[in-house]
Amino acid sequence: MSIKRILIIDDDESIQTVMQFGIQMVVDWEVLVASSGMQGIQTACAEKLDAILLDVMMPDMDGIATFKTLQADPQTAQIPVVLLTTKAQTSERRQFNNLQVSGVITKPFNSLDLPDLITKMLDW
């Protein structure tokens, strides 16, 4: 598995830490973090990324608005995005899939399983 650069966009610092720790314990990927949609967009524009893990429920700019902004910018439109959500109902999943995200991970999850989930979703 090659070294990947992953951006976690989540407003919850404890989730950021758990995800970053889980990924780095299992694989040698570089993990960047952003605490808001706007900060995540700025980071995505400034860094070369292989994927973004994006929380759906965030204050100010939620994950859907963040995703749409990333998709509208040619500089970030090709970065695969995996949504992180506590919403597991079929209607919400259908909405997320209609956005053409690369995958959806439902919280809670085992952080040590994240690299395997991401690898399968993104076909790495």
PDB file of N, CA and C in Angstrom:
ATOM      1  N   MET A   1       0.844  -1.180   0.000  1.00  0.00           N
ATOM      2  CA  MET A   1       0.000   0.000   0.000  1.00  0.00           C
ATOM      3  C   MET A   1       0.891   1.246   0.000  1.00  0.00           C
ATOM      4  N   SER A   2       0.678   2.152  -0.950  1.00  0.00           N
ATOM      5  CA  SER A   2       1.492   3.356  -1.017  1.00  0.00           C
ATOM      6  C   SER A   2       1.047   4.365   0.040  1.00  0.00           C
ATOM      7  N   ILE A   3       1.933   5.289   0.335  1.00  0.00           N
ATOM      8  CA  ILE A   3       1.607   6.311   1.324  1.00  0.00           C
ATOM      9  C   ILE A   3       0.584   7.258   0.727  1.00  0.00           C
ATOM     10  N   LYS A   4      -0.498   7.433   1.430  1.00  0.00           N
ATOM     11  CA  LYS A   4      -1.586   8.294   0.995  1.00  0.00           C
ATOM     12  C   LYS A   4      -1.661   9.506   1.912  1.00  0.00           C
ATOM     13  N   ARG A   5      -2.259  10.578   1.385  1.00  0.00           N
ATOM     14  CA  ARG A   5      -2.505  11.786   2.175  1.00  0.00           C
ATOM     15  C   ARG A   5      -4.016  11.943   2.311  1.00  0.00           C
ATOM     16  N   ILE A   6      -4.477  11.882   3.555  1.00  0.00           N
ATOM     17  CA  ILE A   6      -5.897  11.914   3.872  1.00  0.00           C
ATOM     18  C   ILE A   6      -6.200  13.163   4.690  1.00  0.00           C
ATOM     19  N   LEU A   7      -7.283  13.840   4.339  1.00  0.00           N
ATOM     20  CA  LEU A   7      -7.753  14.986   5.123  1.00  0.00           C
ATOM     21  C   LEU A   7      -9.027  14.578   5.852  1.00  0.00           C
ATOM     22  N   ILE A   8      -9.027  14.762   7.167  1.00  0.00           N
ATOM     23  CA  ILE A   8     -10.225  14.543   7.985  1.00  0.00           C
ATOM     24  C   ILE A   8     -10.827  15.909   8.269  1.00  0.00           C
ATOM     25  N   ILE A   9     -12.087  16.085   7.864  1.00  0.00           N
ATOM     26  CA  ILE A   9     -12.809  17.323   8.172  1.00  0.00           C
ATOM     27  C   ILE A   9     -13.928  16.956   9.145  1.00  0.00           C
ATOM     28  N   ASP A  10     -13.751  17.343  10.398  1.00  0.00           N
ATOM     29  CA  ASP A  10     -14.720  17.028  11.449  1.00  0.00           C
ATOM     30  C   ASP A  10     -14.574  18.072  12.542  1.00  0.00           C
ATOM     31  N   ASP A  11     -15.684  18.585  13.036  1.00  0.00           N
ATOM     32  CA  ASP A  11     -15.635  19.617  14.066  1.00  0.00           C
ATOM     33  C   ASP A  11     -15.352  19.064  15.456  1.00  0.00           C
ATOM     34  N   ASP A  12     -15.403  17.751  15.633  1.00  0.00           N
ATOM     35  CA  ASP A  12     -15.182  17.118  16.938  1.00  0.00           C
ATOM     36  C   ASP A  12     -13.719  16.683  17.058  1.00  0.00           C
ATOM     37  N   GLU A  13     -12.983  17.375  17.936  1.00  0.00           N
ATOM     38  CA  GLU A  13     -11.559  17.093  18.096  1.00  0.00           C
ATOM     39  C   GLU A  13     -11.277  15.660  18.519  1.00  0.00           C
ATOM     40  N   SER A  14     -12.130  15.102  19.367  1.00  0.00           N
ATOM     41  CA  SER A  14     -11.897  13.730  19.831  1.00  0.00           C
ATOM     42  C   SER A  14     -12.051  12.743  18.670  1.00  0.00           C
ATOM     43  N   ILE A  15     -13.003  12.996  17.770  1.00  0.00           N
ATOM     44  CA  ILE A  15     -13.175  12.131  16.592  1.00  0.00           C
ATOM     45  C   ILE A  15     -11.953  12.263  15.685  1.00  0.00           C
ATOM     46  N   GLN A  16     -11.489  13.495  15.500  1.00  0.00           N
ATOM     47  CA  GLN A  16     -10.286  13.717  14.693  1.00  0.00           C
ATOM     48  C   GLN A  16      -9.123  12.881  15.233  1.00  0.00           C
ATOM     49  N   THR A  17      -8.926  12.960  16.536  1.00  0.00           N
ATOM     50  CA  THR A  17      -7.803  12.268  17.171  1.00  0.00           C
ATOM     51  C   THR A  17      -7.929  10.756  17.034  1.00  0.00           C
ATOM     52  N   VAL A  18      -9.118  10.234  17.308  1.00  0.00           N
ATOM     53  CA  VAL A  18      -9.336   8.786  17.219  1.00  0.00           C
ATOM     54  C   VAL A  18      -9.124   8.296  15.791  1.00  0.00           C
ATOM     55  N   MET A  19      -9.653   9.034  14.817  1.00  0.00           N
ATOM     56  CA  MET A  19      -9.492   8.632  13.418  1.00  0.00           C
ATOM     57  C   MET A  19      -8.032   8.695  12.989  1.00  0.00           C
ATOM     58  N   GLN A  20      -7.373   9.788  13.338  1.00  0.00           N
ATOM     59  CA  GLN A  20      -5.965   9.950  12.968  1.00  0.00           C
ATOM     60  C   GLN A  20      -5.120   8.836  13.593  1.00  0.00           C
ATOM     61  N   PHE A  21      -5.346   8.578  14.868  1.00  0.00           N
ATOM     62  CA  PHE A  21      -4.611   7.523  15.568  1.00  0.00           C
ATOM     63  C   PHE A  21      -4.878   6.163  14.929  1.00  0.00           C
ATOM     64  N   GLY A  22      -6.149   5.860  14.665  1.00  0.00           N
ATOM     65  CA  GLY A  22      -6.508   4.571  14.076  1.00  0.00           C
ATOM     66  C   GLY A  22      -5.859   4.351  12.724  1.00  0.00           C
ATOM     67  N   ILE A  23      -5.883   5.376  11.888  1.00  0.00           N
ATOM     68  CA  ILE A  23      -5.279   5.259  10.558  1.00  0.00           C
ATOM     69  C   ILE A  23      -3.775   5.070  10.672  1.00  0.00           C
ATOM     70  N   GLN A  24      -3.121   5.896  11.480  1.00  0.00           N
ATOM     71  CA  GLN A  24      -1.665   5.847  11.563  1.00  0.00           C
ATOM     72  C   GLN A  24      -1.149   4.619  12.312  1.00  0.00           C
ATOM     73  N   MET A  25      -1.997   3.976  13.109  1.00  0.00           N
ATOM     74  CA  MET A  25      -1.592   2.735  13.775  1.00  0.00           C
ATOM     75  C   MET A  25      -1.538   1.573  12.786  1.00  0.00           C
ATOM     76  N   VAL A  26      -2.357   1.638  11.747  1.00  0.00           N
ATOM     77  CA  VAL A  26      -2.504   0.513  10.832  1.00  0.00           C
ATOM     78  C   VAL A  26      -1.695   0.702   9.550  1.00  0.00           C
ATOM     79  N   VAL A  27      -1.669   1.914   9.016  1.00  0.00           N
ATOM     80  CA  VAL A  27      -0.972   2.182   7.759  1.00  0.00           C
ATOM     81  C   VAL A  27      -0.118   3.434   7.889  1.00  0.00           C
ATOM     82  N   ASP A  28       0.799   3.586   6.978  1.00  0.00           N
ATOM     83  CA  ASP A  28       1.719   4.719   6.998  1.00  0.00           C
ATOM     84  C   ASP A  28       1.205   5.834   6.094  1.00  0.00           C
ATOM     85  N   TRP A  29       0.008   6.327   6.400  1.00  0.00           N
ATOM     86  CA  TRP A  29      -0.572   7.427   5.637  1.00  0.00           C
ATOM     87  C   TRP A  29      -0.376   8.722   6.403  1.00  0.00           C
ATOM     88  N   GLU A  30      -0.250   9.801   5.672  1.00  0.00           N
ATOM     89  CA  GLU A  30      -0.188  11.116   6.303  1.00  0.00           C
ATOM     90  C   GLU A  30      -1.618  11.613   6.488  1.00  0.00           C
ATOM     91  N   VAL A  31      -1.943  12.032   7.697  1.00  0.00           N
ATOM     92  CA  VAL A  31      -3.300  12.477   8.006  1.00  0.00           C
ATOM     93  C   VAL A  31      -3.267  13.948   8.390  1.00  0.00           C
ATOM     94  N   LEU A  32      -4.060  14.735   7.666  1.00  0.00           N
ATOM     95  CA  LEU A  32      -4.242  16.151   7.968  1.00  0.00           C
ATOM     96  C   LEU A  32      -5.635  16.307   8.568  1.00  0.00           C
ATOM     97  N   VAL A  33      -5.841  17.336   9.383  1.00  0.00           N
ATOM     98  CA  VAL A  33      -7.159  17.545   9.981  1.00  0.00           C
ATOM     99  C   VAL A  33      -7.609  18.991   9.807  1.00  0.00           C
ATOM    100  N   ALA A  34      -8.914  19.146   9.697  1.00  0.00           N
ATOM    101  CA  ALA A  34      -9.541  20.462   9.648  1.00  0.00           C
ATOM    102  C   ALA A  34     -10.782  20.401  10.527  1.00  0.00           C
ATOM    103  N   SER A  35     -11.066  21.495  11.219  1.00  0.00           N
ATOM    104  CA  SER A  35     -12.164  21.519  12.193  1.00  0.00           C
ATOM    105  C   SER A  35     -13.447  22.124  11.664  1.00  0.00           C
ATOM    106  N   SER A  36     -13.445  22.564  10.410  1.00  0.00           N
ATOM    107  CA  SER A  36     -14.657  23.147   9.830  1.00  0.00           C
ATOM    108  C   SER A  36     -14.645  22.917   8.326  1.00  0.00           C
ATOM    109  N   GLY A  37     -15.803  23.090   7.723  1.00  0.00           N
ATOM    110  CA  GLY A  37     -15.891  22.943   6.278  1.00  0.00           C
ATOM    111  C   GLY A  37     -14.996  23.931   5.560  1.00  0.00           C
ATOM    112  N   MET A  38     -15.013  25.191   5.990  1.00  0.00           N
ATOM    113  CA  MET A  38     -14.205  26.219   5.341  1.00  0.00           C
ATOM    114  C   MET A  38     -12.710  25.935   5.487  1.00  0.00           C
ATOM    115  N   GLN A  39     -12.300  25.526   6.681  1.00  0.00           N
ATOM    116  CA  GLN A  39     -10.891  25.187   6.897  1.00  0.00           C
ATOM    117  C   GLN A  39     -10.516  23.982   6.030  1.00  0.00           C
ATOM    118  N   GLY A  40     -11.423  23.016   5.907  1.00  0.00           N
ATOM    119  CA  GLY A  40     -11.171  21.847   5.081  1.00  0.00           C
ATOM    120  C   GLY A  40     -11.008  22.205   3.610  1.00  0.00           C
ATOM    121  N   ILE A  41     -11.845  23.105   3.120  1.00  0.00           N
ATOM    122  CA  ILE A  41     -11.750  23.548   1.731  1.00  0.00           C
ATOM    123  C   ILE A  41     -10.411  24.232   1.489  1.00  0.00           C
ATOM    124  N   GLN A  42     -10.012  25.093   2.416  1.00  0.00           N
ATOM    125  CA  GLN A  42      -8.722  25.781   2.292  1.00  0.00           C
ATOM    126  C   GLN A  42      -7.569  24.782   2.276  1.00  0.00           C
ATOM    127  N   THR A  43      -7.624  23.774   3.145  1.00  0.00           N
ATOM    128  CA  THR A  43      -6.579  22.755   3.193  1.00  0.00           C
ATOM    129  C   THR A  43      -6.568  21.946   1.906  1.00  0.00           C
ATOM    130  N   ALA A  44      -7.752  21.574   1.416  1.00  0.00           N
ATOM    131  CA  ALA A  44      -7.842  20.789   0.179  1.00  0.00           C
ATOM    132  C   ALA A  44      -7.265  21.552  -1.003  1.00  0.00           C
ATOM    133  N   CYS A  45      -7.441  22.856  -1.017  1.00  0.00           N
ATOM    134  CA  CYS A  45      -6.898  23.681  -2.098  1.00  0.00           C
ATOM    135  C   CYS A  45      -5.384  23.834  -1.993  1.00  0.00           C
ATOM    136  N   ALA A  46      -4.873  23.815  -0.781  1.00  0.00           N
ATOM    137  CA  ALA A  46      -3.449  24.060  -0.558  1.00  0.00           C
ATOM    138  C   ALA A  46      -2.589  22.797  -0.595  1.00  0.00           C
ATOM    139  N   GLU A  47      -3.184  21.625  -0.398  1.00  0.00           N
ATOM    140  CA  GLU A  47      -2.433  20.381  -0.272  1.00  0.00           C
ATOM    141  C   GLU A  47      -2.799  19.401  -1.383  1.00  0.00           C
ATOM    142  N   LYS A  48      -1.867  18.518  -1.702  1.00  0.00           N
ATOM    143  CA  LYS A  48      -2.171  17.424  -2.629  1.00  0.00           C
ATOM    144  C   LYS A  48      -2.709  16.269  -1.787  1.00  0.00           C
ATOM    145  N   LEU A  49      -3.977  15.921  -2.003  1.00  0.00           N
ATOM    146  CA  LEU A  49      -4.649  14.913  -1.184  1.00  0.00           C
ATOM    147  C   LEU A  49      -5.083  13.726  -2.024  1.00  0.00           C
ATOM    148  N   ASP A  50      -5.108  12.561  -1.380  1.00  0.00           N
ATOM    149  CA  ASP A  50      -5.605  11.347  -2.026  1.00  0.00           C
ATOM    150  C   ASP A  50      -7.069  11.091  -1.687  1.00  0.00           C
ATOM    151  N   ALA A  51      -7.535  11.625  -0.545  1.00  0.00           N
ATOM    152  CA  ALA A  51      -8.931  11.429  -0.144  1.00  0.00           C
ATOM    153  C   ALA A  51      -9.278  12.387   0.991  1.00  0.00           C
ATOM    154  N   ILE A  52     -10.594  12.584   1.153  1.00  0.00           N
ATOM    155  CA  ILE A  52     -11.117  13.407   2.241  1.00  0.00           C
ATOM    156  C   ILE A  52     -12.178  12.592   2.975  1.00  0.00           C
ATOM    157  N   LEU A  53     -12.079  12.571   4.306  1.00  0.00           N
ATOM    158  CA  LEU A  53     -13.110  11.995   5.164  1.00  0.00           C
ATOM    159  C   LEU A  53     -13.867  13.184   5.735  1.00  0.00           C
ATOM    160  N   LEU A  54     -15.153  13.287   5.420  1.00  0.00           N
ATOM    161  CA  LEU A  54     -15.924  14.494   5.689  1.00  0.00           C
ATOM    162  C   LEU A  54     -17.144  14.211   6.552  1.00  0.00           C
ATOM    163  N   ASP A  55     -17.181  14.831   7.725  1.00  0.00           N
ATOM    164  CA  ASP A  55     -18.331  14.703   8.622  1.00  0.00           C
ATOM    165  C   ASP A  55     -19.522  15.438   8.018  1.00  0.00           C
ATOM    166  N   VAL A  56     -20.696  14.831   8.091  1.00  0.00           N
ATOM    167  CA  VAL A  56     -21.904  15.439   7.530  1.00  0.00           C
ATOM    168  C   VAL A  56     -22.434  16.539   8.445  1.00  0.00           C
ATOM    169  N   MET A  57     -22.487  16.277   9.746  1.00  0.00           N
ATOM    170  CA  MET A  57     -23.096  17.215  10.700  1.00  0.00           C
ATOM    171  C   MET A  57     -22.034  18.117  11.328  1.00  0.00           C
ATOM    172  N   MET A  58     -21.932  19.340  10.822  1.00  0.00           N
ATOM    173  CA  MET A  58     -21.011  20.332  11.375  1.00  0.00           C
ATOM    174  C   MET A  58     -21.731  21.676  11.424  1.00  0.00           C
ATOM    175  N   PRO A  59     -21.360  22.527  12.393  1.00  0.00           N
ATOM    176  CA  PRO A  59     -21.973  23.859  12.451  1.00  0.00           C
ATOM    177  C   PRO A  59     -21.452  24.738  11.306  1.00  0.00           C
ATOM    178  N   ASP A  60     -22.113  25.825  11.080  1.00  0.00           N
ATOM    179  CA  ASP A  60     -21.763  26.800  10.035  1.00  0.00           C
ATOM    180  C   ASP A  60     -21.901  26.209   8.637  1.00  0.00           C
ATOM    181  N   MET A  61     -20.948  25.446   8.185  1.00  0.00           N
ATOM    182  CA  MET A  61     -20.993  24.835   6.861  1.00  0.00           C
ATOM    183  C   MET A  61     -20.988  23.323   7.051  1.00  0.00           C
ATOM    184  N   ASP A  62     -22.136  22.684   6.772  1.00  0.00           N
ATOM    185  CA  ASP A  62     -22.212  21.239   6.990  1.00  0.00           C
ATOM    186  C   ASP A  62     -21.447  20.479   5.901  1.00  0.00           C
ATOM    187  N   GLY A  63     -21.385  19.170   6.063  1.00  0.00           N
ATOM    188  CA  GLY A  63     -20.617  18.337   5.142  1.00  0.00           C
ATOM    189  C   GLY A  63     -21.139  18.358   3.717  1.00  0.00           C
ATOM    190  N   ILE A  64     -22.447  18.443   3.544  1.00  0.00           N
ATOM    191  CA  ILE A  64     -23.026  18.461   2.199  1.00  0.00           C
ATOM    192  C   ILE A  64     -22.616  19.746   1.471  1.00  0.00           C
ATOM    193  N   ALA A  65     -22.730  20.889   2.147  1.00  0.00           N
ATOM    194  CA  ALA A  65     -22.317  22.161   1.552  1.00  0.00           C
ATOM    195  C   ALA A  65     -20.814  22.162   1.264  1.00  0.00           C
ATOM    196  N   THR A  66     -20.038  21.584   2.175  1.00  0.00           N
ATOM    197  CA  THR A  66     -18.593  21.489   1.973  1.00  0.00           C
ATOM    198  C   THR A  66     -18.293  20.632   0.749  1.00  0.00           C
ATOM    199  N   PHE A  67     -18.958  19.489   0.646  1.00  0.00           N
ATOM    200  CA  PHE A  67     -18.761  18.588  -0.496  1.00  0.00           C
ATOM    201  C   PHE A  67     -19.098  19.300  -1.810  1.00  0.00           C
ATOM    202  N   LYS A  68     -20.227  19.989  -1.839  1.00  0.00           N
ATOM    203  CA  LYS A  68     -20.643  20.683  -3.063  1.00  0.00           C
ATOM    204  C   LYS A  68     -19.649  21.772  -3.448  1.00  0.00           C
ATOM    205  N   THR A  69     -19.084  22.459  -2.467  1.00  0.00           N
ATOM    206  CA  THR A  69     -18.074  23.484  -2.737  1.00  0.00           C
ATOM    207  C   THR A  69     -16.810  22.845  -3.301  1.00  0.00           C
ATOM    208  N   LEU A  70     -16.396  21.717  -2.714  1.00  0.00           N
ATOM    209  CA  LEU A  70     -15.223  20.997  -3.219  1.00  0.00           C
ATOM    210  C   LEU A  70     -15.454  20.532  -4.658  1.00  0.00           C
ATOM    211  N   GLN A  71     -16.649  20.040  -4.950  1.00  0.00           N
ATOM    212  CA  GLN A  71     -16.969  19.544  -6.293  1.00  0.00           C
ATOM    213  C   GLN A  71     -17.016  20.667  -7.324  1.00  0.00           C
ATOM    214  N   ALA A  72     -17.387  21.861  -6.904  1.00  0.00           N
ATOM    215  CA  ALA A  72     -17.502  22.990  -7.823  1.00  0.00           C
ATOM    216  C   ALA A  72     -16.151  23.589  -8.214  1.00  0.00           C
ATOM    217  N   ASP A  73     -15.112  23.260  -7.471  1.00  0.00           N
ATOM    218  CA  ASP A  73     -13.782  23.810  -7.730  1.00  0.00           C
ATOM    219  C   ASP A  73     -12.951  22.790  -8.506  1.00  0.00           C
ATOM    220  N   PRO A  74     -12.506  23.122  -9.721  1.00  0.00           N
ATOM    221  CA  PRO A  74     -11.716  22.177 -10.518  1.00  0.00           C
ATOM    222  C   PRO A  74     -10.453  21.690  -9.794  1.00  0.00           C
ATOM    223  N   GLN A  75      -9.953  22.497  -8.886  1.00  0.00           N
ATOM    224  CA  GLN A  75      -8.745  22.138  -8.136  1.00  0.00           C
ATOM    225  C   GLN A  75      -8.998  20.996  -7.151  1.00  0.00           C
ATOM    226  N   THR A  76     -10.240  20.859  -6.667  1.00  0.00           N
ATOM    227  CA  THR A  76     -10.533  19.848  -5.645  1.00  0.00           C
ATOM    228  C   THR A  76     -11.595  18.836  -6.079  1.00  0.00           C
ATOM    229  N   ALA A  77     -12.191  19.025  -7.236  1.00  0.00           N
ATOM    230  CA  ALA A  77     -13.311  18.189  -7.674  1.00  0.00           C
ATOM    231  C   ALA A  77     -12.954  16.713  -7.836  1.00  0.00           C
ATOM    232  N   GLN A  78     -11.705  16.413  -8.117  1.00  0.00           N
ATOM    233  CA  GLN A  78     -11.306  15.023  -8.368  1.00  0.00           C
ATOM    234  C   GLN A  78     -10.871  14.271  -7.106  1.00  0.00           C
ATOM    235  N   ILE A  79     -10.855  14.943  -5.965  1.00  0.00           N
ATOM    236  CA  ILE A  79     -10.449  14.287  -4.720  1.00  0.00           C
ATOM    237  C   ILE A  79     -11.612  13.423  -4.235  1.00  0.00           C
ATOM    238  N   PRO A  80     -11.404  12.114  -4.044  1.00  0.00           N
ATOM    239  CA  PRO A  80     -12.477  11.256  -3.530  1.00  0.00           C
ATOM    240  C   PRO A  80     -12.885  11.686  -2.122  1.00  0.00           C
ATOM    241  N   VAL A  81     -14.203  11.703  -1.876  1.00  0.00           N
ATOM    242  CA  VAL A  81     -14.735  12.102  -0.575  1.00  0.00           C
ATOM    243  C   VAL A  81     -15.573  10.969  -0.002  1.00  0.00           C
ATOM    244  N   VAL A  82     -15.264  10.617   1.251  1.00  0.00           N
ATOM    245  CA  VAL A  82     -16.040   9.632   2.002  1.00  0.00           C
ATOM    246  C   VAL A  82     -16.742  10.391   3.122  1.00  0.00           C
ATOM    247  N   LEU A  83     -18.061  10.287   3.159  1.00  0.00           N
ATOM    248  CA  LEU A  83     -18.837  10.962   4.195  1.00  0.00           C
ATOM    249  C   LEU A  83     -18.852  10.147   5.485  1.00  0.00           C
ATOM    250  N   LEU A  84     -18.829  10.853   6.601  1.00  0.00           N
ATOM    251  CA  LEU A  84     -18.938  10.254   7.930  1.00  0.00           C
ATOM    252  C   LEU A  84     -20.246  10.741   8.528  1.00  0.00           C
ATOM    253  N   THR A  85     -21.102   9.815   8.946  1.00  0.00           N
ATOM    254  CA  THR A  85     -22.416  10.230   9.419  1.00  0.00           C
ATOM    255  C   THR A  85     -22.963   9.306  10.491  1.00  0.00           C
ATOM    256  N   THR A  86     -23.818   9.868  11.326  1.00  0.00           N
ATOM    257  CA  THR A  86     -24.581   9.053  12.273  1.00  0.00           C
ATOM    258  C   THR A  86     -25.923   8.690  11.649  1.00  0.00           C
ATOM    259  N   LYS A  87     -26.250   9.304  10.518  1.00  0.00           N
ATOM    260  CA  LYS A  87     -27.516   9.044   9.819  1.00  0.00           C
ATOM    261  C   LYS A  87     -27.364   7.780   8.978  1.00  0.00           C
ATOM    262  N   ALA A  88     -28.044   6.749   9.392  1.00  0.00           N
ATOM    263  CA  ALA A  88     -27.910   5.462   8.699  1.00  0.00           C
ATOM    264  C   ALA A  88     -29.190   5.029   8.005  1.00  0.00           C
ATOM    265  N   GLN A  89     -30.202   5.882   7.998  1.00  0.00           N
ATOM    266  CA  GLN A  89     -31.463   5.500   7.368  1.00  0.00           C
ATOM    267  C   GLN A  89     -31.304   5.454   5.850  1.00  0.00           C
ATOM    268  N   THR A  90     -32.110   4.616   5.233  1.00  0.00           N
ATOM    269  CA  THR A  90     -32.026   4.395   3.789  1.00  0.00           C
ATOM    270  C   THR A  90     -32.183   5.683   2.995  1.00  0.00           C
ATOM    271  N   SER A  91     -33.100   6.555   3.387  1.00  0.00           N
ATOM    272  CA  SER A  91     -33.333   7.795   2.628  1.00  0.00           C
ATOM    273  C   SER A  91     -32.102   8.702   2.657  1.00  0.00           C
ATOM    274  N   GLU A  92     -31.447   8.801   3.811  1.00  0.00           N
ATOM    275  CA  GLU A  92     -30.236   9.621   3.890  1.00  0.00           C
ATOM    276  C   GLU A  92     -29.111   8.996   3.075  1.00  0.00           C
ATOM    277  N   ARG A  93     -28.947   7.673   3.166  1.00  0.00           N
ATOM    278  CA  ARG A  93     -27.909   6.996   2.390  1.00  0.00           C
ATOM    279  C   ARG A  93     -28.125   7.202   0.894  1.00  0.00           C
ATOM    280  N   ARG A  94     -29.388   7.153   0.469  1.00  0.00           N
ATOM    281  CA  ARG A  94     -29.708   7.378  -0.943  1.00  0.00           C
ATOM    282  C   ARG A  94     -29.316   8.802  -1.346  1.00  0.00           C
ATOM    283  N   GLN A  95     -29.629   9.763  -0.464  1.00  0.00           N
ATOM    284  CA  GLN A  95     -29.257  11.158  -0.735  1.00  0.00           C
ATOM    285  C   GLN A  95     -27.740  11.287  -0.872  1.00  0.00           C
ATOM    286  N   PHE A  96     -26.998  10.649   0.033  1.00  0.00           N
ATOM    287  CA  PHE A  96     -25.541  10.721  -0.023  1.00  0.00           C
ATOM    288  C   PHE A  96     -25.012  10.081  -1.309  1.00  0.00           C
ATOM    289  N   ASN A  97     -25.566   8.940  -1.672  1.00  0.00           N
ATOM    290  CA  ASN A  97     -25.127   8.268  -2.896  1.00  0.00           C
ATOM    291  C   ASN A  97     -25.474   9.086  -4.134  1.00  0.00           C
ATOM    292  N   ASN A  98     -26.595   9.807  -4.108  1.00  0.00           N
ATOM    293  CA  ASN A  98     -26.961  10.672  -5.229  1.00  0.00           C
ATOM    294  C   ASN A  98     -25.964  11.806  -5.414  1.00  0.00           C
ATOM    295  N   LEU A  99     -25.255  12.148  -4.356  1.00  0.00           N
ATOM    296  CA  LEU A  99     -24.224  13.175  -4.451  1.00  0.00           C
ATOM    297  C   LEU A  99     -22.977  12.655  -5.174  1.00  0.00           C
ATOM    298  N   GLN A 100     -22.933  11.357  -5.364  1.00  0.00           N
ATOM    299  CA  GLN A 100     -21.785  10.686  -5.993  1.00  0.00           C
ATOM    300  C   GLN A 100     -20.521  10.803  -5.152  1.00  0.00           C
ATOM    301  N   VAL A 101     -20.702  10.630  -3.835  1.00  0.00           N
ATOM    302  CA  VAL A 101     -19.539  10.531  -2.962  1.00  0.00           C
ATOM    303  C   VAL A 101     -18.905   9.158  -3.183  1.00  0.00           C
ATOM    304  N   SER A 102     -17.681   9.007  -2.757  1.00  0.00           N
ATOM    305  CA  SER A 102     -16.968   7.745  -2.950  1.00  0.00           C
ATOM    306  C   SER A 102     -17.374   6.680  -1.950  1.00  0.00           C
ATOM    307  N   GLY A 103     -18.001   7.101  -0.849  1.00  0.00           N
ATOM    308  CA  GLY A 103     -18.439   6.143   0.156  1.00  0.00           C
ATOM    309  C   GLY A 103     -19.060   6.843   1.345  1.00  0.00           C
ATOM    310  N   VAL A 104     -19.668   6.036   2.205  1.00  0.00           N
ATOM    311  CA  VAL A 104     -20.284   6.541   3.426  1.00  0.00           C
ATOM    312  C   VAL A 104     -19.892   5.604   4.562  1.00  0.00           C
ATOM    313  N   ILE A 105     -19.377   6.165   5.636  1.00  0.00           N
ATOM    314  CA  ILE A 105     -19.040   5.396   6.838  1.00  0.00           C
ATOM    315  C   ILE A 105     -19.955   5.887   7.949  1.00  0.00           C
ATOM    316  N   THR A 106     -20.642   4.951   8.589  1.00  0.00           N
ATOM    317  CA  THR A 106     -21.572   5.291   9.654  1.00  0.00           C
ATOM    318  C   THR A 106     -20.858   5.270  11.004  1.00  0.00           C
ATOM    319  N   LYS A 107     -21.074   6.339  11.774  1.00  0.00           N
ATOM    320  CA  LYS A 107     -20.557   6.416  13.142  1.00  0.00           C
ATOM    321  C   LYS A 107     -21.536   5.685  14.051  1.00  0.00           C
ATOM    322  N   PRO A 108     -21.077   5.041  15.096  1.00  0.00           N
ATOM    323  CA  PRO A 108     -19.677   4.838  15.456  1.00  0.00           C
ATOM    324  C   PRO A 108     -19.033   3.752  14.596  1.00  0.00           C
ATOM    325  N   PHE A 109     -17.722   3.791  14.537  1.00  0.00           N
ATOM    326  CA  PHE A 109     -16.962   2.810  13.768  1.00  0.00           C
ATOM    327  C   PHE A 109     -15.693   2.487  14.538  1.00  0.00           C
ATOM    328  N   ASN A 110     -15.060   1.397  14.179  1.00  0.00           N
ATOM    329  CA  ASN A 110     -13.790   1.023  14.781  1.00  0.00           C
ATOM    330  C   ASN A 110     -12.694   1.744  14.000  1.00  0.00           C
ATOM    331  N   SER A 111     -11.975   2.643  14.661  1.00  0.00           N
ATOM    332  CA  SER A 111     -10.980   3.462  13.964  1.00  0.00           C
ATOM    333  C   SER A 111      -9.859   2.624  13.342  1.00  0.00           C
ATOM    334  N   LEU A 112      -9.598   1.448  13.894  1.00  0.00           N
ATOM    335  CA  LEU A 112      -8.555   0.590  13.323  1.00  0.00           C
ATOM    336  C   LEU A 112      -9.004  -0.067  12.021  1.00  0.00           C
ATOM    337  N   ASP A 113     -10.324  -0.060  11.777  1.00  0.00           N
ATOM    338  CA  ASP A 113     -10.857  -0.595  10.518  1.00  0.00           C
ATOM    339  C   ASP A 113     -10.888   0.448   9.402  1.00  0.00           C
ATOM    340  N   LEU A 114     -10.671   1.720   9.742  1.00  0.00           N
ATOM    341  CA  LEU A 114     -10.778   2.793   8.755  1.00  0.00           C
ATOM    342  C   LEU A 114      -9.902   2.592   7.516  1.00  0.00           C
ATOM    343  N   PRO A 115      -8.614   2.282   7.663  1.00  0.00           N
ATOM    344  CA  PRO A 115      -7.800   2.120   6.453  1.00  0.00           C
ATOM    345  C   PRO A 115      -8.349   1.061   5.499  1.00  0.00           C
ATOM    346  N   ASP A 116      -8.830  -0.046   6.052  1.00  0.00           N
ATOM    347  CA  ASP A 116      -9.383  -1.109   5.212  1.00  0.00           C
ATOM    348  C   ASP A 116     -10.669  -0.638   4.531  1.00  0.00           C
ATOM    349  N   LEU A 117     -11.546   0.035   5.277  1.00  0.00           N
ATOM    350  CA  LEU A 117     -12.786   0.566   4.700  1.00  0.00           C
ATOM    351  C   LEU A 117     -12.486   1.557   3.581  1.00  0.00           C
ATOM    352  N   ILE A 118     -11.572   2.471   3.835  1.00  0.00           N
ATOM    353  CA  ILE A 118     -11.206   3.488   2.843  1.00  0.00           C
ATOM    354  C   ILE A 118     -10.604   2.827   1.610  1.00  0.00           C
ATOM    355  N   THR A 119      -9.708   1.897   1.824  1.00  0.00           N
ATOM    356  CA  THR A 119      -9.051   1.199   0.712  1.00  0.00           C
ATOM    357  C   THR A 119     -10.071   0.500  -0.171  1.00  0.00           C
ATOM    358  N   LYS A 120     -11.045  -0.151   0.435  1.00  0.00           N
ATOM    359  CA  LYS A 120     -12.087  -0.852  -0.344  1.00  0.00           C
ATOM    360  C   LYS A 120     -12.990   0.147  -1.067  1.00  0.00           C
ATOM    361  N   MET A 121     -13.403   1.213  -0.381  1.00  0.00           N
ATOM    362  CA  MET A 121     -14.304   2.190  -0.998  1.00  0.00           C
ATOM    363  C   MET A 121     -13.656   2.897  -2.194  1.00  0.00           C
ATOM    364  N   LEU A 122     -12.365   3.162  -2.051  1.00  0.00           N
ATOM    365  CA  LEU A 122     -11.666   3.932  -3.086  1.00  0.00           C
ATOM    366  C   LEU A 122     -10.913   3.046  -4.064  1.00  0.00           C
ATOM    367  N   ASP A 123     -11.017   1.742  -3.865  1.00  0.00           N
ATOM    368  CA  ASP A 123     -10.405   0.775  -4.771  1.00  0.00           C
ATOM    369  C   ASP A 123      -8.899   0.999  -4.913  1.00  0.00           C
ATOM    370  N   TRP A 124      -8.220   1.204  -3.773  1.00  0.00           N
ATOM    371  CA  TRP A 124      -6.765   1.421  -3.775  1.00  0.00           C
ATOM    372  C   TRP A 124      -6.059   0.095  -3.723  1.00  0.00           C
TER     373      TRP A 124
END
